[in-house]
Each structure stands twice: as C-alpha cells, then as structure tokens.
Amino acid sequence: ATDMTVDWPEATKVAVTNSIPLGRMGTAEEVAEA
C-alpha cells in the first residue's frame, strides 16, 4: 500500500488482496524492516 498502488482500480485491489494468504496488502514499514 503505497503511492504506486493507490490509483489501482478498486476491482484490481480486491482481486489482488483476495489472492494473498494473509488477506491484505503489505505496508512500506514492513518492507523497511526487512
């Protein structure tokens, strides 16, 4: 969930989120920790 994905069509966001086992998009802070 960053500026790169904020403008994705809502249907795309829903489809992508539903395909993620943890059930949500990640955060920039989680990537930063890695």
PDB file of all heavy atoms in Angstrom:
ATOM      1  N   ALA A   1       0.849  -1.206   0.000  1.00  0.00           N
ATOM      2  CA  ALA A   1       0.000   0.000   0.000  1.00  0.00           C
ATOM      3  C   ALA A   1       0.877   1.247   0.000  1.00  0.00           C
ATOM      4  O   ALA A   1       1.306   1.728   1.047  1.00  0.00           O
ATOM      5  CB  ALA A   1      -0.924  -0.013   1.211  1.00  0.00           C
ATOM      6  N   THR A   2       1.193   1.749  -1.175  1.00  0.00           N
ATOM      7  CA  THR A   2       1.999   2.963  -1.330  1.00  0.00           C
ATOM      8  C   THR A   2       1.383   3.821  -2.434  1.00  0.00           C
ATOM      9  O   THR A   2       0.344   3.475  -3.007  1.00  0.00           O
ATOM     10  CB  THR A   2       3.457   2.635  -1.720  1.00  0.00           C
ATOM     11  OG1 THR A   2       3.459   2.058  -3.038  1.00  0.00           O
ATOM     12  CG2 THR A   2       4.098   1.670  -0.742  1.00  0.00           C
ATOM     13  N   ASP A   3       2.073   4.914  -2.777  1.00  0.00           N
ATOM     14  CA  ASP A   3       1.608   5.772  -3.863  1.00  0.00           C
ATOM     15  C   ASP A   3       1.534   5.020  -5.190  1.00  0.00           C
ATOM     16  O   ASP A   3       0.763   5.395  -6.082  1.00  0.00           O
ATOM     17  CB  ASP A   3       2.550   6.972  -4.025  1.00  0.00           C
ATOM     18  CG  ASP A   3       2.463   7.928  -2.848  1.00  0.00           C
ATOM     19  OD1 ASP A   3       1.477   7.845  -2.098  1.00  0.00           O
ATOM     20  OD2 ASP A   3       3.373   8.761  -2.682  1.00  0.00           O
ATOM     21  N   MET A   4       2.336   3.970  -5.334  1.00  0.00           N
ATOM     22  CA  MET A   4       2.341   3.222  -6.586  1.00  0.00           C
ATOM     23  C   MET A   4       1.050   2.430  -6.796  1.00  0.00           C
ATOM     24  O   MET A   4       0.659   2.150  -7.926  1.00  0.00           O
ATOM     25  CB  MET A   4       3.535   2.260  -6.628  1.00  0.00           C
ATOM     26  CG  MET A   4       4.847   2.899  -7.015  1.00  0.00           C
ATOM     27  SD  MET A   4       6.094   1.642  -7.317  1.00  0.00           S
ATOM     28  CE  MET A   4       7.484   2.658  -7.847  1.00  0.00           C
ATOM     29  N   THR A   5       0.393   2.038  -5.707  1.00  0.00           N
ATOM     30  CA  THR A   5      -0.796   1.194  -5.826  1.00  0.00           C
ATOM     31  C   THR A   5      -2.097   1.925  -5.512  1.00  0.00           C
ATOM     32  O   THR A   5      -3.174   1.375  -5.719  1.00  0.00           O
ATOM     33  CB  THR A   5      -0.676  -0.023  -4.880  1.00  0.00           C
ATOM     34  OG1 THR A   5      -0.520   0.438  -3.522  1.00  0.00           O
ATOM     35  CG2 THR A   5       0.515  -0.883  -5.249  1.00  0.00           C
ATOM     36  N   VAL A   6      -1.994   3.151  -5.019  1.00  0.00           N
ATOM     37  CA  VAL A   6      -3.195   3.861  -4.575  1.00  0.00           C
ATOM     38  C   VAL A   6      -4.181   4.098  -5.721  1.00  0.00           C
ATOM     39  O   VAL A   6      -5.408   4.141  -5.503  1.00  0.00           O
ATOM     40  CB  VAL A   6      -2.816   5.200  -3.904  1.00  0.00           C
ATOM     41  CG1 VAL A   6      -2.267   6.199  -4.917  1.00  0.00           C
ATOM     42  CG2 VAL A   6      -4.013   5.796  -3.172  1.00  0.00           C
ATOM     43  N   ASP A   7      -3.684   4.227  -6.944  1.00  0.00           N
ATOM     44  CA  ASP A   7      -4.551   4.508  -8.084  1.00  0.00           C
ATOM     45  C   ASP A   7      -5.005   3.256  -8.829  1.00  0.00           C
ATOM     46  O   ASP A   7      -5.644   3.356  -9.879  1.00  0.00           O
ATOM     47  CB  ASP A   7      -3.853   5.457  -9.063  1.00  0.00           C
ATOM     48  CG  ASP A   7      -3.670   6.854  -8.487  1.00  0.00           C
ATOM     49  OD1 ASP A   7      -4.529   7.271  -7.686  1.00  0.00           O
ATOM     50  OD2 ASP A   7      -2.669   7.505  -8.820  1.00  0.00           O
ATOM     51  N   TRP A   8      -4.651   2.085  -8.308  1.00  0.00           N
ATOM     52  CA  TRP A   8      -5.141   0.869  -8.949  1.00  0.00           C
ATOM     53  C   TRP A   8      -6.671   0.858  -8.931  1.00  0.00           C
ATOM     54  O   TRP A   8      -7.294   1.298  -7.957  1.00  0.00           O
ATOM     55  CB  TRP A   8      -4.641  -0.364  -8.199  1.00  0.00           C
ATOM     56  CG  TRP A   8      -3.218  -0.733  -8.480  1.00  0.00           C
ATOM     57  CD1 TRP A   8      -2.308  -0.036  -9.218  1.00  0.00           C
ATOM     58  CD2 TRP A   8      -2.540  -1.904  -8.011  1.00  0.00           C
ATOM     59  NE1 TRP A   8      -1.101  -0.694  -9.233  1.00  0.00           N
ATOM     60  CE2 TRP A   8      -1.219  -1.839  -8.501  1.00  0.00           C
ATOM     61  CE3 TRP A   8      -2.913  -2.976  -7.213  1.00  0.00           C
ATOM     62  CZ2 TRP A   8      -0.276  -2.826  -8.229  1.00  0.00           C
ATOM     63  CZ3 TRP A   8      -1.983  -3.973  -6.942  1.00  0.00           C
ATOM     64  CH2 TRP A   8      -0.682  -3.899  -7.451  1.00  0.00           C
ATOM     65  N   PRO A   9      -7.320   0.329  -9.953  1.00  0.00           N
ATOM     66  CA  PRO A   9      -8.774   0.173  -9.926  1.00  0.00           C
ATOM     67  C   PRO A   9      -9.199  -0.653  -8.708  1.00  0.00           C
ATOM     68  O   PRO A   9      -8.495  -1.589  -8.306  1.00  0.00           O
ATOM     69  CB  PRO A   9      -9.075  -0.568 -11.236  1.00  0.00           C
ATOM     70  CG  PRO A   9      -7.918  -0.245 -12.127  1.00  0.00           C
ATOM     71  CD  PRO A   9      -6.726  -0.145 -11.223  1.00  0.00           C
ATOM     72  N   GLU A  10     -10.333  -0.315  -8.131  1.00  0.00           N
ATOM     73  CA  GLU A  10     -10.774  -1.000  -6.924  1.00  0.00           C
ATOM     74  C   GLU A  10     -10.918  -2.500  -7.148  1.00  0.00           C
ATOM     75  O   GLU A  10     -10.584  -3.309  -6.266  1.00  0.00           O
ATOM     76  CB  GLU A  10     -12.116  -0.417  -6.446  1.00  0.00           C
ATOM     77  CG  GLU A  10     -12.508  -0.858  -5.047  1.00  0.00           C
ATOM     78  CD  GLU A  10     -11.465  -0.467  -3.985  1.00  0.00           C
ATOM     79  OE1 GLU A  10     -10.819   0.579  -4.138  1.00  0.00           O
ATOM     80  OE2 GLU A  10     -11.324  -1.242  -3.008  1.00  0.00           O
ATOM     81  N   ALA A  11     -11.398  -2.883  -8.317  1.00  0.00           N
ATOM     82  CA  ALA A  11     -11.548  -4.312  -8.614  1.00  0.00           C
ATOM     83  C   ALA A  11     -10.198  -5.024  -8.602  1.00  0.00           C
ATOM     84  O   ALA A  11     -10.086  -6.180  -8.152  1.00  0.00           O
ATOM     85  CB  ALA A  11     -12.219  -4.491  -9.976  1.00  0.00           C
ATOM     86  N   THR A  12      -9.163  -4.333  -9.073  1.00  0.00           N
ATOM     87  CA  THR A  12      -7.813  -4.906  -9.067  1.00  0.00           C
ATOM     88  C   THR A  12      -7.320  -5.083  -7.639  1.00  0.00           C
ATOM     89  O   THR A  12      -6.750  -6.130  -7.279  1.00  0.00           O
ATOM     90  CB  THR A  12      -6.841  -3.998  -9.840  1.00  0.00           C
ATOM     91  OG1 THR A  12      -7.281  -3.894 -11.192  1.00  0.00           O
ATOM     92  CG2 THR A  12      -5.428  -4.565  -9.811  1.00  0.00           C
ATOM     93  N   LYS A  13      -7.524  -4.073  -6.807  1.00  0.00           N
ATOM     94  CA  LYS A  13      -7.105  -4.162  -5.408  1.00  0.00           C
ATOM     95  C   LYS A  13      -7.786  -5.323  -4.701  1.00  0.00           C
ATOM     96  O   LYS A  13      -7.151  -6.079  -3.950  1.00  0.00           O
ATOM     97  CB  LYS A  13      -7.414  -2.848  -4.681  1.00  0.00           C
ATOM     98  CG  LYS A  13      -6.608  -1.653  -5.128  1.00  0.00           C
ATOM     99  CD  LYS A  13      -7.014  -0.413  -4.333  1.00  0.00           C
ATOM    100  CE  LYS A  13      -6.285   0.825  -4.807  1.00  0.00           C
ATOM    101  NZ  LYS A  13      -6.703   2.040  -4.069  1.00  0.00           N
ATOM    102  N   VAL A  14      -9.072  -5.478  -4.937  1.00  0.00           N
ATOM    103  CA  VAL A  14      -9.820  -6.560  -4.293  1.00  0.00           C
ATOM    104  C   VAL A  14      -9.314  -7.916  -4.760  1.00  0.00           C
ATOM    105  O   VAL A  14      -9.085  -8.830  -3.957  1.00  0.00           O
ATOM    106  CB  VAL A  14     -11.328  -6.417  -4.585  1.00  0.00           C
ATOM    107  CG1 VAL A  14     -12.086  -7.663  -4.105  1.00  0.00           C
ATOM    108  CG2 VAL A  14     -11.890  -5.172  -3.910  1.00  0.00           C
ATOM    109  N   ALA A  15      -9.119  -8.056  -6.068  1.00  0.00           N
ATOM    110  CA  ALA A  15      -8.654  -9.331  -6.619  1.00  0.00           C
ATOM    111  C   ALA A  15      -7.269  -9.689  -6.083  1.00  0.00           C
ATOM    112  O   ALA A  15      -7.008 -10.844  -5.714  1.00  0.00           O
ATOM    113  CB  ALA A  15      -8.640  -9.260  -8.146  1.00  0.00           C
ATOM    114  N   VAL A  16      -6.382  -8.694  -6.035  1.00  0.00           N
ATOM    115  CA  VAL A  16      -5.025  -8.937  -5.541  1.00  0.00           C
ATOM    116  C   VAL A  16      -5.049  -9.303  -4.061  1.00  0.00           C
ATOM    117  O   VAL A  16      -4.401 -10.267  -3.624  1.00  0.00           O
ATOM    118  CB  VAL A  16      -4.128  -7.709  -5.790  1.00  0.00           C
ATOM    119  CG1 VAL A  16      -2.816  -7.841  -5.028  1.00  0.00           C
ATOM    120  CG2 VAL A  16      -3.852  -7.536  -7.279  1.00  0.00           C
ATOM    121  N   THR A  17      -5.807  -8.549  -3.273  1.00  0.00           N
ATOM    122  CA  THR A  17      -5.885  -8.818  -1.838  1.00  0.00           C
ATOM    123  C   THR A  17      -6.437 -10.207  -1.566  1.00  0.00           C
ATOM    124  O   THR A  17      -5.954 -10.929  -0.684  1.00  0.00           O
ATOM    125  CB  THR A  17      -6.761  -7.758  -1.141  1.00  0.00           C
ATOM    126  OG1 THR A  17      -6.179  -6.470  -1.341  1.00  0.00           O
ATOM    127  CG2 THR A  17      -6.858  -8.024   0.359  1.00  0.00           C
ATOM    128  N   ASN A  18      -7.435 -10.609  -2.335  1.00  0.00           N
ATOM    129  CA  ASN A  18      -8.034 -11.935  -2.146  1.00  0.00           C
ATOM    130  C   ASN A  18      -7.069 -13.066  -2.479  1.00  0.00           C
ATOM    131  O   ASN A  18      -7.265 -14.205  -2.035  1.00  0.00           O
ATOM    132  CB  ASN A  18      -9.297 -12.062  -2.995  1.00  0.00           C
ATOM    133  CG  ASN A  18     -10.452 -11.237  -2.449  1.00  0.00           C
ATOM    134  OD1 ASN A  18     -10.447 -10.849  -1.291  1.00  0.00           O
ATOM    135  ND2 ASN A  18     -11.433 -10.976  -3.297  1.00  0.00           N
ATOM    136  N   SER A  19      -6.040 -12.753  -3.260  1.00  0.00           N
ATOM    137  CA  SER A  19      -5.066 -13.785  -3.642  1.00  0.00           C
ATOM    138  C   SER A  19      -3.930 -13.920  -2.633  1.00  0.00           C
ATOM    139  O   SER A  19      -3.096 -14.818  -2.760  1.00  0.00           O
ATOM    140  CB  SER A  19      -4.492 -13.469  -5.024  1.00  0.00           C
ATOM    141  OG  SER A  19      -3.672 -12.308  -4.982  1.00  0.00           O
ATOM    142  N   ILE A  20      -3.890 -13.041  -1.642  1.00  0.00           N
ATOM    143  CA  ILE A  20      -2.815 -13.050  -0.647  1.00  0.00           C
ATOM    144  C   ILE A  20      -3.262 -13.854   0.574  1.00  0.00           C
ATOM    145  O   ILE A  20      -4.261 -13.506   1.212  1.00  0.00           O
ATOM    146  CB  ILE A  20      -2.450 -11.618  -0.226  1.00  0.00           C
ATOM    147  CG1 ILE A  20      -1.963 -10.816  -1.435  1.00  0.00           C
ATOM    148  CG2 ILE A  20      -1.381 -11.628   0.871  1.00  0.00           C
ATOM    149  CD1 ILE A  20      -1.743  -9.341  -1.157  1.00  0.00           C
ATOM    150  N   PRO A  21      -2.562 -14.933   0.928  1.00  0.00           N
ATOM    151  CA  PRO A  21      -2.974 -15.752   2.066  1.00  0.00           C
ATOM    152  C   PRO A  21      -3.176 -14.973   3.364  1.00  0.00           C
ATOM    153  O   PRO A  21      -4.092 -15.287   4.135  1.00  0.00           O
ATOM    154  CB  PRO A  21      -1.831 -16.766   2.195  1.00  0.00           C
ATOM    155  CG  PRO A  21      -1.363 -16.945   0.785  1.00  0.00           C
ATOM    156  CD  PRO A  21      -1.451 -15.562   0.187  1.00  0.00           C
ATOM    157  N   LEU A  22      -2.359 -13.956   3.615  1.00  0.00           N
ATOM    158  CA  LEU A  22      -2.531 -13.172   4.837  1.00  0.00           C
ATOM    159  C   LEU A  22      -3.676 -12.166   4.732  1.00  0.00           C
ATOM    160  O   LEU A  22      -3.983 -11.470   5.697  1.00  0.00           O
ATOM    161  CB  LEU A  22      -1.231 -12.454   5.208  1.00  0.00           C
ATOM    162  CG  LEU A  22      -0.124 -13.352   5.778  1.00  0.00           C
ATOM    163  CD1 LEU A  22       1.103 -12.530   6.149  1.00  0.00           C
ATOM    164  CD2 LEU A  22      -0.609 -14.126   6.997  1.00  0.00           C
ATOM    165  N   GLY A  23      -4.300 -12.071   3.572  1.00  0.00           N
ATOM    166  CA  GLY A  23      -5.540 -11.335   3.429  1.00  0.00           C
ATOM    167  C   GLY A  23      -5.456  -9.826   3.373  1.00  0.00           C
ATOM    168  O   GLY A  23      -6.464  -9.138   3.566  1.00  0.00           O
ATOM    169  N   ARG A  24      -4.294  -9.284   3.080  1.00  0.00           N
ATOM    170  CA  ARG A  24      -4.151  -7.834   3.000  1.00  0.00           C
ATOM    171  C   ARG A  24      -2.913  -7.482   2.199  1.00  0.00           C
ATOM    172  O   ARG A  24      -2.045  -8.334   1.966  1.00  0.00           O
ATOM    173  CB  ARG A  24      -4.024  -7.220   4.402  1.00  0.00           C
ATOM    174  CG  ARG A  24      -2.776  -7.660   5.170  1.00  0.00           C
ATOM    175  CD  ARG A  24      -2.626  -6.949   6.497  1.00  0.00           C
ATOM    176  NE  ARG A  24      -1.476  -7.425   7.253  1.00  0.00           N
ATOM    177  CZ  ARG A  24      -0.233  -6.992   7.103  1.00  0.00           C
ATOM    178  NH1 ARG A  24       0.033  -6.074   6.189  1.00  0.00           N
ATOM    179  NH2 ARG A  24       0.749  -7.467   7.850  1.00  0.00           N
ATOM    180  N   MET A  25      -2.819  -6.213   1.805  1.00  0.00           N
ATOM    181  CA  MET A  25      -1.601  -5.716   1.186  1.00  0.00           C
ATOM    182  C   MET A  25      -0.592  -5.387   2.280  1.00  0.00           C
ATOM    183  O   MET A  25      -0.962  -5.141   3.431  1.00  0.00           O
ATOM    184  CB  MET A  25      -1.898  -4.483   0.337  1.00  0.00           C
ATOM    185  CG  MET A  25      -2.804  -4.776  -0.849  1.00  0.00           C
ATOM    186  SD  MET A  25      -3.289  -3.316  -1.805  1.00  0.00           S
ATOM    187  CE  MET A  25      -1.745  -2.914  -2.606  1.00  0.00           C
ATOM    188  N   GLY A  26       0.673  -5.382   1.937  1.00  0.00           N
ATOM    189  CA  GLY A  26       1.710  -5.050   2.896  1.00  0.00           C
ATOM    190  C   GLY A  26       1.858  -3.555   3.087  1.00  0.00           C
ATOM    191  O   GLY A  26       1.238  -2.750   2.383  1.00  0.00           O
ATOM    192  N   THR A  27       2.696  -3.173   4.034  1.00  0.00           N
ATOM    193  CA  THR A  27       2.972  -1.759   4.280  1.00  0.00           C
ATOM    194  C   THR A  27       4.429  -1.449   3.959  1.00  0.00           C
ATOM    195  O   THR A  27       5.290  -2.334   3.987  1.00  0.00           O
ATOM    196  CB  THR A  27       2.694  -1.377   5.742  1.00  0.00           C
ATOM    197  OG1 THR A  27       3.662  -2.021   6.591  1.00  0.00           O
ATOM    198  CG2 THR A  27       1.293  -1.796   6.162  1.00  0.00           C
ATOM    199  N   ALA A  28       4.684  -0.181   3.695  1.00  0.00           N
ATOM    200  CA  ALA A  28       6.056   0.257   3.425  1.00  0.00           C
ATOM    201  C   ALA A  28       6.948  -0.015   4.624  1.00  0.00           C
ATOM    202  O   ALA A  28       8.126  -0.365   4.473  1.00  0.00           O
ATOM    203  CB  ALA A  28       6.070   1.741   3.076  1.00  0.00           C
ATOM    204  N   GLU A  29       6.384   0.111   5.823  1.00  0.00           N
ATOM    205  CA  GLU A  29       7.169  -0.109   7.042  1.00  0.00           C
ATOM    206  C   GLU A  29       7.601  -1.563   7.171  1.00  0.00           C
ATOM    207  O   GLU A  29       8.709  -1.852   7.650  1.00  0.00           O
ATOM    208  CB  GLU A  29       6.349   0.319   8.267  1.00  0.00           C
ATOM    209  CG  GLU A  29       6.148   1.824   8.412  1.00  0.00           C
ATOM    210  CD  GLU A  29       5.170   2.393   7.393  1.00  0.00           C
ATOM    211  OE1 GLU A  29       4.322   1.627   6.862  1.00  0.00           O
ATOM    212  OE2 GLU A  29       5.240   3.620   7.118  1.00  0.00           O
ATOM    213  N   GLU A  30       6.758  -2.486   6.721  1.00  0.00           N
ATOM    214  CA  GLU A  30       7.132  -3.907   6.788  1.00  0.00           C
ATOM    215  C   GLU A  30       8.279  -4.213   5.837  1.00  0.00           C
ATOM    216  O   GLU A  30       9.184  -5.006   6.161  1.00  0.00           O
ATOM    217  CB  GLU A  30       5.907  -4.768   6.461  1.00  0.00           C
ATOM    218  CG  GLU A  30       4.882  -4.769   7.575  1.00  0.00           C
ATOM    219  CD  GLU A  30       3.591  -5.460   7.203  1.00  0.00           C
ATOM    220  OE1 GLU A  30       3.098  -5.252   6.068  1.00  0.00           O
ATOM    221  OE2 GLU A  30       3.043  -6.203   8.046  1.00  0.00           O
ATOM    222  N   VAL A  31       8.272  -3.594   4.669  1.00  0.00           N
ATOM    223  CA  VAL A  31       9.382  -3.771   3.729  1.00  0.00           C
ATOM    224  C   VAL A  31      10.657  -3.152   4.306  1.00  0.00           C
ATOM    225  O   VAL A  31      11.746  -3.726   4.214  1.00  0.00           O
ATOM    226  CB  VAL A  31       9.043  -3.151   2.364  1.00  0.00           C
ATOM    227  CG1 VAL A  31      10.227  -3.321   1.399  1.00  0.00           C
ATOM    228  CG2 VAL A  31       7.792  -3.777   1.774  1.00  0.00           C
ATOM    229  N   ALA A  32      10.524  -1.990   4.933  1.00  0.00           N
ATOM    230  CA  ALA A  32      11.681  -1.306   5.518  1.00  0.00           C
ATOM    231  C   ALA A  32      12.337  -2.157   6.594  1.00  0.00           C
ATOM    232  O   ALA A  32      13.572  -2.201   6.708  1.00  0.00           O
ATOM    233  CB  ALA A  32      11.259   0.043   6.093  1.00  0.00           C
ATOM    234  N   GLU A  33      11.539  -2.843   7.394  1.00  0.00           N
ATOM    235  CA  GLU A  33      12.091  -3.693   8.449  1.00  0.00           C
ATOM    236  C   GLU A  33      12.929  -4.818   7.858  1.00  0.00           C
ATOM    237  O   GLU A  33      13.987  -5.178   8.395  1.00  0.00           O
ATOM    238  CB  GLU A  33      10.968  -4.270   9.306  1.00  0.00           C
ATOM    239  CG  GLU A  33      10.275  -3.256  10.208  1.00  0.00           C
ATOM    240  CD  GLU A  33      11.097  -2.869  11.434  1.00  0.00           C
ATOM    241  OE1 GLU A  33      12.211  -3.397  11.600  1.00  0.00           O
ATOM    242  OE2 GLU A  33      10.620  -2.026  12.211  1.00  0.00           O
ATOM    243  N   ALA A  34      12.485  -5.387   6.746  1.00  0.00           N
ATOM    244  CA  ALA A  34      13.251  -6.448   6.094  1.00  0.00           C
ATOM    245  C   ALA A  34      14.564  -5.908   5.535  1.00  0.00           C
ATOM    246  O   ALA A  34      15.607  -6.570   5.598  1.00  0.00           O
ATOM    247  CB  ALA A  34      12.415  -7.082   4.982  1.00  0.00           C
TER     248      ALA A  34
END
